[in-house]
Amino acid sequence: MTPNVASISSGPSRRSFLASTAVATAAVAGGMPLLTACGGSDSESREGATSGKAADKLIPTFVASTVAKPDLPSKNGSSAGYTGKVDLAALAVSVPDKLGTGAPVKIMSPLWGTPPKPGCAYYKAVDAATGTKITWQNQDGNTYGQKLGAVLASSSIPDMVVVPNWELVGKIGNAVTAKFMDLGPYLAGDKAKKYPNLAAIPSDAWRMGIFGGALRGIPMPSAPASFIMPYYRKDIFDEKGYSVPKSADEFLSWAKEATSAKAKVYACGDMSWVSGSIFGVCPGWNIDADGKLRYSIERPEYLEALEWTRKLFDAGVVHPDDRARSGDAGQRFTAGQILVFNSDASAWYQKTAEQAQANPDFQMDAMDIFGADGGNPTLYASSPATIWSMIRKGAPKETVENALAAADFAAAPYGTKERMLVDYGVEGTHYTVKDGVPVKTDQGNSEVINTWTMLAAPAPYFAHPDFPDVARKQVEWQQRMGAFMKKTSTYGMKVVEPTRYANLASQHEQLQIDYVRGNKKLSDVQDAISTWRSSGGDKLRDWYKELLDKNGSGN
């Protein structure tokens, strides 16, 4: 079966240094409980956070799934792993009775790729199995934030909306509290046992779905050790006799050796998405060793990561299209035009499967993240949930129950008929079975893409029956890197900042892009940091200090 995080091949759209240790920038918090709320605990409070005992009262009672035991259990915050073949004739059932009543539900969700046609065989099959009648309003994932903002500002909101964490910028975070309903009456405590797959989602992930003092988000859980991976072309490294770099200086030295502009081969793409991990950039707000509360851009590691990334551009080892921010870096990687490529864990399977027939010699691996000086890295735990599905306020009870039925089906665990249907569709139509392994047909590849998988997901895992070694490597990499993982002071909080500070951080992304490409000076970055402080950053620091005084520190 495919990985439960589906096929988001292009990754988040807001890539920055602040996102270097997680999939998204907005949440640097994880899932350990803290204490109370800042700014009030009533359901309409739109700022602050709710955690600890107050949060425990709002989330489902955890009931673990016992359907399939992983070959590689979670360790150091990793996903679990399944490396054996599943007996497709003996799949378990996690939803014995249809929970849907056939009431119509409109769902808006981001989608990377070409949307399936309405009424396609895949949609019909899953609706029939769940008892639902869903109308999908799929939007381009790369521009989803614009659409999400416009919809939340309007008076016409679909019944269910998928909200990614990296889009919670500006006024969207506060709009979530205003526009989406409290799911507590349906899911808090033992009420969730009606939806066993939702009850089996880890509690840490559910805590991250609390907005404005109420449970509003059904989570797609992710492993805390879900760091961006620096992939490299192992086949080319072996052929050329290259050693995998183990420090920032070694990487630059190797990159100069490996680059041949004449042959149109460059060492890497833009390393911005992983340089923060290499230099130990702490994401977001944190109380540092000296007891002072700082934001990412105020620390020396932030500038060090920027400067190193600029050195790569200055040395001419970055592909020109990456400098121009055009085209697809993943395609350049598989074509051998760049030898190092940054992406999330899903790319390991996607690229391997994609190249299996076209280029049998293709091999990719992921470098262990090294500390800039060659020592161990300093990494920060990412959020145990970064995508949620939410139900609009005022939705009729039957609509709510049908939306929850759909989410429960989408969260089916590995080794079940429901997971098989969501991930592969209908046998004979969307996939065939070869040597005990499901293989998608052309119709499957066009219809069974990231729609249903965006509603909810089980506890994080990797499983690729056609490439089991990839699942093993994904888990083992996360386990190794997870051993160096720390928590920030805001770990465990789903923080919604006041709207008056909504646009403070956004000004830095373009400046970072320009600086590493040599179009801005270091003094421009330093001036921007000073401006950030004077235009609201210092006041936001005071707000966070009050938040942490009331909640306690997550680390």
Protein backbone atom coordinates (compact mmCIF):
# COMPACT_ATOMS: atom_id res chain seq x y z
CA MET A 1 0.00 0.00 0.00
CA THR A 2 1.08 3.54 -0.54
CA PRO A 3 2.32 5.75 2.29
CA ASN A 4 -0.47 7.32 4.28
CA VAL A 5 0.66 10.84 3.42
CA ALA A 6 -0.34 10.33 -0.18
CA SER A 7 1.44 11.86 -3.15
CA ILE A 8 2.21 15.49 -2.43
CA SER A 9 5.10 15.48 -4.83
CA SER A 10 5.67 19.20 -5.02
CA GLY A 11 5.73 19.75 -1.29
CA PRO A 12 4.58 22.86 0.55
CA SER A 13 4.54 26.10 -1.38
CA ARG A 14 6.07 28.29 1.33
CA ARG A 15 9.64 27.00 1.51
CA SER A 16 11.93 28.98 3.77
CA PHE A 17 14.73 28.66 6.26
CA LEU A 18 12.17 28.72 9.02
CA ALA A 19 10.74 25.51 7.57
CA SER A 20 14.02 23.67 7.46
CA THR A 21 13.27 21.30 10.31
CA ALA A 22 9.64 20.64 9.46
CA VAL A 23 7.26 20.41 6.58
CA ALA A 24 5.73 23.80 7.32
CA THR A 25 6.78 27.07 8.89
CA ALA A 26 3.76 28.07 10.91
CA ALA A 27 3.84 25.36 13.60
CA VAL A 28 7.04 24.69 15.41
CA ALA A 29 5.01 23.04 18.12
CA GLY A 30 4.70 19.34 18.67
CA GLY A 31 2.25 17.37 20.70
CA MET A 32 3.28 17.11 24.37
CA PRO A 33 0.74 18.60 26.77
CA LEU A 34 1.36 21.85 28.56
CA LEU A 35 -0.95 23.67 30.92
CA THR A 36 -3.53 26.32 30.14
CA ALA A 37 -4.68 28.82 27.57
CA CYS A 38 -3.52 32.35 26.88
CA GLY A 39 -6.19 34.90 26.05
CA GLY A 40 -9.03 32.93 27.57
CA SER A 41 -10.31 29.36 27.24
CA ASP A 42 -13.80 29.95 25.90
CA SER A 43 -14.61 28.53 22.49
CA GLU A 44 -14.63 31.93 20.78
CA SER A 45 -11.19 33.07 21.94
CA ARG A 46 -9.19 33.35 18.72
CA GLU A 47 -5.70 33.87 20.12
CA GLY A 48 -3.26 31.83 22.20
CA ALA A 49 -3.21 28.10 22.83
CA THR A 50 -4.95 25.37 24.81
CA SER A 51 -3.06 22.36 26.12
CA GLY A 52 -2.49 20.13 29.14
CA LYS A 53 -5.52 19.03 31.14
CA ALA A 54 -7.70 21.59 29.38
CA ALA A 55 -6.80 20.04 26.03
CA ASP A 56 -7.25 16.47 27.25
CA LYS A 57 -10.92 17.21 27.94
CA LEU A 58 -11.46 18.30 24.33
CA ILE A 59 -9.88 15.43 22.38
CA PRO A 60 -10.95 11.84 21.68
CA THR A 61 -10.13 9.00 24.04
CA PHE A 62 -7.23 7.16 22.39
CA VAL A 63 -7.97 3.55 21.41
CA ALA A 64 -5.03 2.07 19.52
CA SER A 65 -5.58 0.01 16.39
CA THR A 66 -4.43 -3.60 16.62
CA VAL A 67 -4.96 -4.51 12.98
CA ALA A 68 -1.38 -4.84 11.77
CA LYS A 69 1.86 -4.91 13.79
CA PRO A 70 4.68 -3.01 12.04
CA ASP A 71 7.98 -4.74 11.24
CA LEU A 72 9.74 -1.55 12.31
CA PRO A 73 8.02 0.11 15.30
CA SER A 74 8.23 3.85 15.79
CA LYS A 75 11.44 4.96 17.54
CA ASN A 76 12.88 8.42 18.29
CA GLY A 77 9.75 10.02 16.85
CA SER A 78 9.87 8.09 13.56
CA SER A 79 7.05 6.65 11.52
CA ALA A 80 6.42 2.92 11.79
CA GLY A 81 7.39 0.66 8.90
CA TYR A 82 5.94 -2.35 7.10
CA THR A 83 8.38 -4.26 4.90
CA GLY A 84 6.42 -7.42 4.16
CA LYS A 85 3.70 -8.11 1.62
CA VAL A 86 0.09 -7.89 2.73
CA ASP A 87 -2.18 -10.86 2.17
CA LEU A 88 -4.74 -9.07 0.00
CA ALA A 89 -7.19 -11.94 0.45
CA ALA A 90 -7.14 -11.55 4.21
CA LEU A 91 -7.45 -7.81 4.72
CA ALA A 92 -9.13 -6.79 7.96
CA VAL A 93 -12.22 -4.60 8.22
CA SER A 94 -11.99 -1.47 10.33
CA VAL A 95 -15.44 -0.05 9.48
CA PRO A 96 -17.87 -3.00 9.70
CA ASP A 97 -20.97 -0.84 9.19
CA LYS A 98 -21.46 2.12 6.88
CA LEU A 99 -21.49 5.25 8.98
CA GLY A 100 -22.66 7.53 6.18
CA THR A 101 -26.34 8.08 5.38
CA GLY A 102 -25.90 9.37 1.86
CA ALA A 103 -26.36 13.03 2.80
CA PRO A 104 -24.40 15.30 0.42
CA VAL A 105 -21.13 16.82 1.61
CA LYS A 106 -19.07 19.42 -0.27
CA ILE A 107 -15.33 19.28 0.44
CA MET A 108 -12.64 21.75 -0.61
CA SER A 109 -9.11 20.41 -0.60
CA PRO A 110 -5.71 21.18 -2.13
CA LEU A 111 -4.58 18.85 -4.88
CA TRP A 112 -1.22 18.53 -6.59
CA GLY A 113 -1.84 17.26 -10.10
CA THR A 114 -4.85 16.97 -12.38
CA PRO A 115 -8.14 16.58 -10.45
CA PRO A 116 -10.14 13.39 -11.09
CA LYS A 117 -13.34 13.92 -13.02
CA PRO A 118 -16.53 14.28 -10.94
CA GLY A 119 -18.38 10.99 -10.74
CA CYS A 120 -15.32 8.93 -11.67
CA ALA A 121 -15.18 5.23 -10.78
CA TYR A 122 -12.91 5.87 -7.79
CA TYR A 123 -15.19 8.47 -6.23
CA LYS A 124 -18.23 6.27 -6.80
CA ALA A 125 -16.54 3.24 -5.21
CA VAL A 126 -15.43 5.01 -2.05
CA ASP A 127 -18.77 6.78 -1.66
CA ALA A 128 -20.54 3.43 -1.98
CA ALA A 129 -18.32 1.86 0.68
CA THR A 130 -18.69 4.74 3.16
CA GLY A 131 -22.32 5.60 2.50
CA THR A 132 -21.38 9.15 1.55
CA LYS A 133 -22.13 11.46 -1.34
CA ILE A 134 -19.20 13.82 -1.67
CA THR A 135 -18.76 16.64 -4.13
CA TRP A 136 -15.06 17.49 -4.35
CA GLN A 137 -13.94 21.06 -4.88
CA ASN A 138 -10.27 20.39 -5.57
CA GLN A 139 -7.99 23.42 -5.80
CA ASP A 140 -4.42 23.77 -7.05
CA GLY A 141 -2.20 23.00 -4.07
CA ASN A 142 0.45 25.49 -5.13
CA THR A 143 -1.95 28.44 -4.93
CA TYR A 144 -4.29 26.99 -2.30
CA GLY A 145 -3.64 29.74 0.25
CA GLN A 146 -5.11 32.38 -2.04
CA LYS A 147 -8.26 30.33 -2.58
CA LEU A 148 -8.54 29.43 1.09
CA GLY A 149 -8.26 33.06 2.15
CA ALA A 150 -10.92 34.13 -0.35
CA VAL A 151 -13.33 31.38 0.70
CA LEU A 152 -12.93 32.08 4.42
CA ALA A 153 -13.58 35.77 3.77
CA SER A 154 -16.82 34.96 1.97
CA SER A 155 -20.20 33.89 3.23
CA SER A 156 -20.17 30.67 1.22
CA ILE A 157 -17.96 28.01 2.78
CA PRO A 158 -18.05 24.33 1.73
CA ASP A 159 -19.23 21.82 4.33
CA MET A 160 -15.68 20.58 4.90
CA VAL A 161 -12.38 22.32 4.17
CA VAL A 162 -8.84 20.95 4.31
CA VAL A 163 -6.53 23.45 6.02
CA PRO A 164 -2.75 22.93 5.75
CA ASN A 165 -0.59 24.39 8.49
CA TRP A 166 1.63 26.30 6.09
CA GLU A 167 -1.38 28.32 4.95
CA LEU A 168 -2.17 29.54 8.48
CA VAL A 169 -0.67 32.95 7.85
CA GLY A 170 -2.17 36.41 7.93
CA LYS A 171 -5.78 36.37 9.01
CA ILE A 172 -6.46 32.73 8.09
CA GLY A 173 -5.50 31.42 11.55
CA ASN A 174 -8.12 33.57 13.25
CA ALA A 175 -10.67 32.82 10.54
CA VAL A 176 -10.42 29.13 11.41
CA THR A 177 -11.91 29.80 14.83
CA ALA A 178 -14.60 32.04 13.42
CA LYS A 179 -15.68 29.83 10.54
CA PHE A 180 -15.32 26.20 11.67
CA MET A 181 -17.32 24.32 14.25
CA ASP A 182 -16.43 22.75 17.57
CA LEU A 183 -16.27 18.98 17.01
CA GLY A 184 -16.23 18.21 20.73
CA PRO A 185 -19.93 17.20 20.87
CA TYR A 186 -19.13 14.48 18.32
CA LEU A 187 -15.57 13.43 19.19
CA ALA A 188 -14.53 14.43 22.72
CA GLY A 189 -13.72 11.58 25.09
CA ASP A 190 -15.58 8.33 24.49
CA LYS A 191 -17.86 9.90 21.86
CA ALA A 192 -15.10 9.19 19.30
CA LYS A 193 -15.51 5.43 19.77
CA LYS A 194 -18.30 5.64 17.19
CA TYR A 195 -15.46 6.42 14.77
CA PRO A 196 -12.78 3.84 15.73
CA ASN A 197 -10.24 4.91 13.12
CA LEU A 198 -10.41 8.50 14.34
CA ALA A 199 -10.08 7.29 17.94
CA ALA A 200 -6.87 5.48 16.92
CA ILE A 201 -5.17 8.71 15.79
CA PRO A 202 -2.49 9.58 18.38
CA SER A 203 -3.56 12.09 21.01
CA ASP A 204 -0.60 14.36 20.24
CA ALA A 205 -2.00 14.90 16.76
CA TRP A 206 -5.49 15.65 18.08
CA ARG A 207 -4.13 18.29 20.47
CA MET A 208 -2.81 20.19 17.48
CA GLY A 209 -6.38 20.43 16.15
CA ILE A 210 -7.48 22.71 19.00
CA PHE A 211 -8.12 26.23 17.74
CA GLY A 212 -9.67 28.96 19.87
CA GLY A 213 -10.27 26.67 22.84
CA ALA A 214 -12.21 24.03 20.87
CA LEU A 215 -11.41 20.94 18.82
CA ARG A 216 -11.94 22.10 15.23
CA GLY A 217 -9.46 20.10 13.17
CA ILE A 218 -9.41 16.41 12.26
CA PRO A 219 -5.67 15.78 11.92
CA MET A 220 -3.47 14.10 9.37
CA PRO A 221 -0.79 13.00 11.85
CA SER A 222 2.90 13.15 11.00
CA ALA A 223 6.00 11.81 12.74
CA PRO A 224 7.91 14.31 14.91
CA ALA A 225 11.09 13.16 13.10
CA SER A 226 9.64 14.23 9.73
CA PHE A 227 12.59 16.33 8.64
CA ILE A 228 13.28 17.41 5.08
CA MET A 229 15.64 14.90 3.49
CA PRO A 230 18.74 15.78 1.42
CA TYR A 231 18.50 13.07 -1.24
CA TYR A 232 21.48 12.15 -3.38
CA ARG A 233 22.02 10.08 -6.51
CA LYS A 234 23.68 7.03 -4.96
CA ASP A 235 24.27 5.41 -8.36
CA ILE A 236 26.24 8.42 -9.59
CA PHE A 237 28.09 8.82 -6.29
CA ASP A 238 29.18 5.16 -6.51
CA GLU A 239 30.18 5.50 -10.16
CA LYS A 240 32.24 8.64 -9.54
CA GLY A 241 33.67 7.47 -6.24
CA TYR A 242 32.22 10.41 -4.31
CA SER A 243 32.06 10.26 -0.52
CA VAL A 244 28.92 11.57 1.14
CA PRO A 245 29.81 14.95 2.75
CA LYS A 246 29.78 15.15 6.53
CA SER A 247 30.16 18.90 7.14
CA ALA A 248 29.22 22.20 5.51
CA ASP A 249 32.77 22.73 4.23
CA GLU A 250 32.97 19.17 2.88
CA PHE A 251 29.69 19.68 1.04
CA LEU A 252 30.93 22.86 -0.64
CA SER A 253 34.23 21.21 -1.58
CA TRP A 254 32.46 18.15 -3.01
CA ALA A 255 29.94 20.37 -4.83
CA LYS A 256 32.72 22.22 -6.68
CA GLU A 257 34.28 18.90 -7.72
CA ALA A 258 30.98 17.39 -8.87
CA THR A 259 29.73 20.38 -10.89
CA SER A 260 30.41 20.55 -14.62
CA ALA A 261 28.52 23.39 -16.26
CA LYS A 262 29.82 22.21 -19.63
CA ALA A 263 28.24 18.80 -19.10
CA LYS A 264 25.13 20.49 -17.59
CA VAL A 265 25.61 18.62 -14.32
CA TYR A 266 25.35 20.59 -11.07
CA ALA A 267 25.94 19.40 -7.54
CA CYS A 268 22.61 20.46 -6.12
CA GLY A 269 19.43 22.41 -6.27
CA ASP A 270 18.58 25.18 -3.83
CA MET A 271 19.71 23.93 -0.39
CA SER A 272 17.64 26.51 1.50
CA TRP A 273 15.13 23.94 2.69
CA VAL A 274 17.73 21.89 4.59
CA SER A 275 20.46 24.41 5.45
CA GLY A 276 18.63 25.42 8.62
CA SER A 277 18.86 21.84 9.87
CA ILE A 278 22.57 21.69 9.07
CA PHE A 279 23.24 24.87 11.08
CA GLY A 280 20.82 24.04 13.90
CA VAL A 281 18.40 26.89 13.25
CA CYS A 282 15.72 26.77 15.92
CA PRO A 283 12.32 27.33 14.30
CA GLY A 284 10.03 29.95 15.74
CA TRP A 285 10.13 31.15 19.32
CA ASN A 286 12.35 29.53 21.94
CA ILE A 287 13.82 30.30 25.34
CA ASP A 288 17.53 29.89 24.71
CA ALA A 289 20.22 28.65 27.10
CA ASP A 290 20.78 32.18 28.43
CA GLY A 291 17.11 32.38 29.45
CA LYS A 292 16.15 34.89 26.76
CA LEU A 293 13.19 34.41 24.42
CA ARG A 294 14.16 34.75 20.76
CA TYR A 295 12.67 34.22 17.33
CA SER A 296 14.46 32.24 14.60
CA ILE A 297 15.78 35.18 12.63
CA GLU A 298 17.43 36.72 15.70
CA ARG A 299 19.89 33.88 16.21
CA PRO A 300 23.38 33.73 14.63
CA GLU A 301 22.62 30.28 13.18
CA TYR A 302 20.01 31.85 10.95
CA LEU A 303 22.54 34.14 9.27
CA GLU A 304 25.11 31.34 9.13
CA ALA A 305 22.65 29.15 7.21
CA LEU A 306 21.91 32.00 4.83
CA GLU A 307 25.57 32.71 4.22
CA TRP A 308 26.42 29.05 3.54
CA THR A 309 23.56 28.74 1.08
CA ARG A 310 24.79 31.87 -0.67
CA LYS A 311 28.27 30.37 -0.95
CA LEU A 312 26.77 27.49 -2.95
CA PHE A 313 25.11 29.90 -5.36
CA ASP A 314 28.27 32.04 -5.60
CA ALA A 315 30.34 28.93 -6.37
CA GLY A 316 28.11 28.07 -9.33
CA VAL A 317 27.23 24.61 -8.00
CA VAL A 318 23.46 25.24 -7.94
CA HIS A 319 21.54 24.49 -11.13
CA PRO A 320 20.60 27.69 -13.05
CA ASP A 321 16.91 26.72 -13.04
CA ASP A 322 17.02 26.49 -9.25
CA ARG A 323 18.56 29.94 -9.17
CA ALA A 324 15.71 31.15 -11.41
CA ARG A 325 13.17 29.16 -9.35
CA SER A 326 11.76 27.56 -12.47
CA GLY A 327 10.90 24.03 -13.51
CA ASP A 328 10.86 20.93 -11.33
CA ALA A 329 13.93 20.17 -9.23
CA GLY A 330 12.74 16.58 -8.79
CA GLN A 331 12.86 16.06 -12.54
CA ARG A 332 16.33 17.55 -12.68
CA PHE A 333 17.35 15.08 -9.99
CA THR A 334 16.06 12.01 -11.81
CA ALA A 335 17.60 13.28 -15.06
CA GLY A 336 21.00 13.51 -13.36
CA GLN A 337 21.22 17.27 -13.85
CA ILE A 338 21.51 17.78 -10.09
CA LEU A 339 22.94 15.20 -7.69
CA VAL A 340 21.37 16.45 -4.45
CA PHE A 341 17.69 17.30 -4.09
CA ASN A 342 15.68 18.32 -0.99
CA SER A 343 12.17 17.05 -0.37
CA ASP A 344 9.98 15.30 2.17
CA ALA A 345 9.97 11.56 2.86
CA SER A 346 7.37 10.74 0.21
CA ALA A 347 9.79 11.60 -2.62
CA TRP A 348 11.93 8.55 -1.80
CA TYR A 349 9.23 6.14 -2.90
CA GLN A 350 7.80 8.31 -5.67
CA LYS A 351 11.12 8.80 -7.45
CA THR A 352 12.18 5.18 -6.99
CA ALA A 353 8.90 3.84 -8.39
CA GLU A 354 8.88 6.39 -11.21
CA GLN A 355 12.38 5.42 -12.39
CA ALA A 356 12.11 1.65 -11.91
CA GLN A 357 11.25 1.02 -15.54
CA ALA A 358 12.62 4.13 -17.22
CA ASN A 359 16.07 3.90 -15.61
CA PRO A 360 16.78 0.55 -13.88
CA ASP A 361 20.22 1.80 -12.75
CA PHE A 362 18.69 4.71 -10.82
CA GLN A 363 19.41 4.67 -7.09
CA MET A 364 18.69 7.36 -4.55
CA ASP A 365 19.48 7.60 -0.88
CA ALA A 366 19.21 10.27 1.80
CA MET A 367 22.25 11.82 3.44
CA ASP A 368 22.17 11.89 7.21
CA ILE A 369 21.88 15.54 8.21
CA PHE A 370 25.27 16.63 9.49
CA GLY A 371 26.15 19.43 11.84
CA ALA A 372 27.79 22.38 10.06
CA ASP A 373 31.10 21.67 11.79
CA GLY A 374 30.97 17.95 11.08
CA GLY A 375 29.56 16.99 14.46
CA ASN A 376 26.08 15.79 15.33
CA PRO A 377 23.21 17.95 14.06
CA THR A 378 20.80 19.86 16.25
CA LEU A 379 17.29 19.15 15.00
CA TYR A 380 13.90 20.28 16.27
CA ALA A 381 10.80 18.13 16.45
CA SER A 382 8.17 18.96 13.88
CA SER A 383 4.48 19.09 14.64
CA PRO A 384 2.64 15.77 15.00
CA ALA A 385 -0.07 17.20 12.75
CA THR A 386 0.28 19.72 9.94
CA ILE A 387 -2.94 19.29 7.94
CA TRP A 388 -6.52 19.28 9.20
CA SER A 389 -9.98 18.86 7.77
CA MET A 390 -12.60 21.13 9.34
CA ILE A 391 -16.38 21.37 9.20
CA ARG A 392 -18.10 24.73 8.75
CA LYS A 393 -20.09 26.26 11.55
CA GLY A 394 -23.82 25.83 11.13
CA ALA A 395 -23.58 22.59 9.15
CA PRO A 396 -26.62 20.33 9.74
CA LYS A 397 -26.06 17.37 12.07
CA GLU A 398 -26.46 14.87 9.21
CA THR A 399 -23.84 16.72 7.17
CA VAL A 400 -21.45 16.67 10.13
CA GLU A 401 -21.97 12.96 10.70
CA ASN A 402 -21.38 12.17 7.04
CA ALA A 403 -18.22 14.26 7.00
CA LEU A 404 -16.98 12.41 10.09
CA ALA A 405 -17.87 9.09 8.45
CA ALA A 406 -15.71 10.06 5.47
CA ALA A 407 -12.81 11.08 7.73
CA ASP A 408 -13.08 7.85 9.73
CA PHE A 409 -12.88 5.81 6.52
CA ALA A 410 -9.92 7.86 5.29
CA ALA A 411 -8.08 7.18 8.58
CA ALA A 412 -8.28 3.39 8.20
CA PRO A 413 -5.03 1.70 9.27
CA TYR A 414 -2.63 -0.27 7.12
CA GLY A 415 -3.74 -3.84 6.44
CA THR A 416 -7.46 -3.08 6.04
CA LYS A 417 -9.91 -3.19 3.14
CA GLU A 418 -10.70 0.47 3.72
CA ARG A 419 -7.03 1.53 3.44
CA MET A 420 -6.70 -0.57 0.29
CA LEU A 421 -9.70 1.10 -1.32
CA VAL A 422 -8.58 4.63 -0.39
CA ASP A 423 -5.00 4.07 -1.58
CA TYR A 424 -5.59 1.89 -4.64
CA GLY A 425 -9.26 1.98 -5.66
CA VAL A 426 -11.02 -1.01 -7.19
CA GLU A 427 -9.14 -4.12 -8.28
CA GLY A 428 -9.34 -4.63 -12.04
CA THR A 429 -10.23 -0.97 -12.60
CA HIS A 430 -7.63 1.01 -10.70
CA TYR A 431 -5.05 -1.68 -10.00
CA THR A 432 -4.03 -5.23 -10.75
CA VAL A 433 -2.13 -7.66 -8.55
CA LYS A 434 1.27 -8.93 -9.69
CA ASP A 435 3.24 -11.32 -7.47
CA GLY A 436 1.05 -10.32 -4.54
CA VAL A 437 1.72 -6.60 -5.05
CA PRO A 438 -0.96 -4.10 -6.18
CA VAL A 439 0.04 -2.14 -9.29
CA LYS A 440 -2.01 0.87 -10.40
CA THR A 441 -3.43 1.00 -13.89
CA ASP A 442 -3.48 4.16 -15.98
CA GLN A 443 -6.98 4.83 -14.72
CA GLY A 444 -5.77 4.32 -11.16
CA ASN A 445 -2.98 6.80 -11.65
CA SER A 446 -5.41 9.42 -12.96
CA GLU A 447 -8.20 8.91 -10.41
CA VAL A 448 -6.64 7.59 -7.18
CA ILE A 449 -4.63 10.62 -6.15
CA ASN A 450 -4.55 12.86 -3.11
CA THR A 451 -8.20 13.56 -2.44
CA TRP A 452 -9.59 11.13 0.13
CA THR A 453 -6.16 10.85 1.75
CA MET A 454 -6.35 14.53 2.72
CA LEU A 455 -9.33 14.10 5.07
CA ALA A 456 -7.51 12.20 7.83
CA ALA A 457 -4.87 9.52 8.25
CA PRO A 458 -3.83 6.83 10.72
CA ALA A 459 -0.69 6.97 12.86
CA PRO A 460 2.32 7.70 10.60
CA TYR A 461 3.78 4.73 8.73
CA PHE A 462 5.68 3.77 5.59
CA ALA A 463 4.70 0.73 3.53
CA HIS A 464 5.63 -0.03 -0.07
CA PRO A 465 5.03 -3.68 -0.99
CA ASP A 466 6.65 -3.12 -4.40
CA PHE A 467 9.74 -1.45 -2.86
CA PRO A 468 9.92 -2.65 0.76
CA ASP A 469 13.56 -1.59 1.08
CA VAL A 470 12.50 2.02 0.59
CA ALA A 471 10.11 1.78 3.55
CA ARG A 472 12.88 0.33 5.68
CA LYS A 473 15.31 3.11 4.69
CA GLN A 474 12.71 5.83 5.32
CA VAL A 475 12.05 4.58 8.86
CA GLU A 476 15.70 3.97 9.69
CA TRP A 477 16.67 7.45 8.49
CA GLN A 478 14.01 9.06 10.68
CA GLN A 479 15.11 6.94 13.65
CA ARG A 480 18.74 8.02 13.23
CA MET A 481 17.88 11.69 12.85
CA GLY A 482 15.27 11.55 15.61
CA ALA A 483 18.03 10.71 18.07
CA PHE A 484 19.26 14.33 17.69
CA MET A 485 15.84 15.90 18.06
CA LYS A 486 14.99 18.62 20.58
CA LYS A 487 11.79 20.42 21.46
CA THR A 488 11.21 24.15 21.32
CA SER A 489 9.62 26.13 24.13
CA THR A 490 6.35 26.21 22.19
CA TYR A 491 6.37 22.45 21.54
CA GLY A 492 2.93 21.11 22.26
CA MET A 493 0.94 24.28 21.53
CA LYS A 494 -1.24 25.10 18.55
CA VAL A 495 -0.62 28.82 18.80
CA VAL A 496 -2.82 31.38 17.04
CA GLU A 497 -1.10 34.76 17.04
CA PRO A 498 -2.97 38.09 17.22
CA THR A 499 -3.95 39.42 13.81
CA ARG A 500 -2.03 42.66 14.41
CA TYR A 501 1.16 40.63 13.94
CA ALA A 502 -0.16 38.69 10.95
CA ASN A 503 2.26 39.95 8.34
CA LEU A 504 5.42 40.30 10.42
CA ALA A 505 7.20 37.15 9.24
CA SER A 506 6.08 37.19 5.60
CA GLN A 507 8.48 39.99 4.64
CA HIS A 508 11.53 37.77 5.18
CA GLU A 509 10.84 34.98 2.71
CA GLN A 510 11.51 37.01 -0.44
CA LEU A 511 14.51 38.67 1.19
CA GLN A 512 16.00 35.25 1.93
CA ILE A 513 15.46 34.19 -1.67
CA ASP A 514 17.13 37.34 -2.94
CA TYR A 515 20.05 37.27 -0.50
CA VAL A 516 21.21 33.71 -1.18
CA ARG A 517 21.14 34.46 -4.92
CA GLY A 518 23.38 37.48 -4.45
CA ASN A 519 20.70 40.08 -5.13
CA LYS A 520 20.73 41.55 -1.60
CA LYS A 521 23.46 42.31 0.92
CA LEU A 522 23.88 40.87 4.39
CA SER A 523 23.24 44.35 5.74
CA ASP A 524 19.82 44.24 4.06
CA VAL A 525 18.97 41.11 6.04
CA GLN A 526 20.28 42.62 9.27
CA ASP A 527 18.27 45.80 8.66
CA ALA A 528 15.15 43.70 8.04
CA ILE A 529 15.64 41.93 11.36
CA SER A 530 15.93 45.29 13.13
CA THR A 531 12.81 46.51 11.35
CA TRP A 532 10.99 43.33 12.35
CA ARG A 533 11.81 44.00 16.00
CA SER A 534 10.73 47.65 15.92
CA SER A 535 7.58 47.09 13.83
CA GLY A 536 6.07 44.50 16.16
CA GLY A 537 8.55 41.71 16.80
CA ASP A 538 9.46 42.93 20.28
CA LYS A 539 5.78 43.32 21.19
CA LEU A 540 5.09 39.84 19.83
CA ARG A 541 7.93 38.62 22.06
CA ASP A 542 6.11 40.06 25.07
CA TRP A 543 2.94 38.29 23.93
CA TYR A 544 4.78 34.96 23.67
CA LYS A 545 6.44 35.51 27.03
CA GLU A 546 3.01 35.85 28.62
CA LEU A 547 1.87 32.74 26.76
CA LEU A 548 4.83 30.73 28.04
CA ASP A 549 4.51 32.13 31.57
CA LYS A 550 0.97 30.80 31.66
CA ASN A 551 1.58 27.52 29.86
CA GLY A 552 5.10 26.64 30.89
CA SER A 553 7.84 25.75 28.43
CA GLY A 554 7.59 22.73 26.13
CA ASN A 555 11.28 21.92 26.49
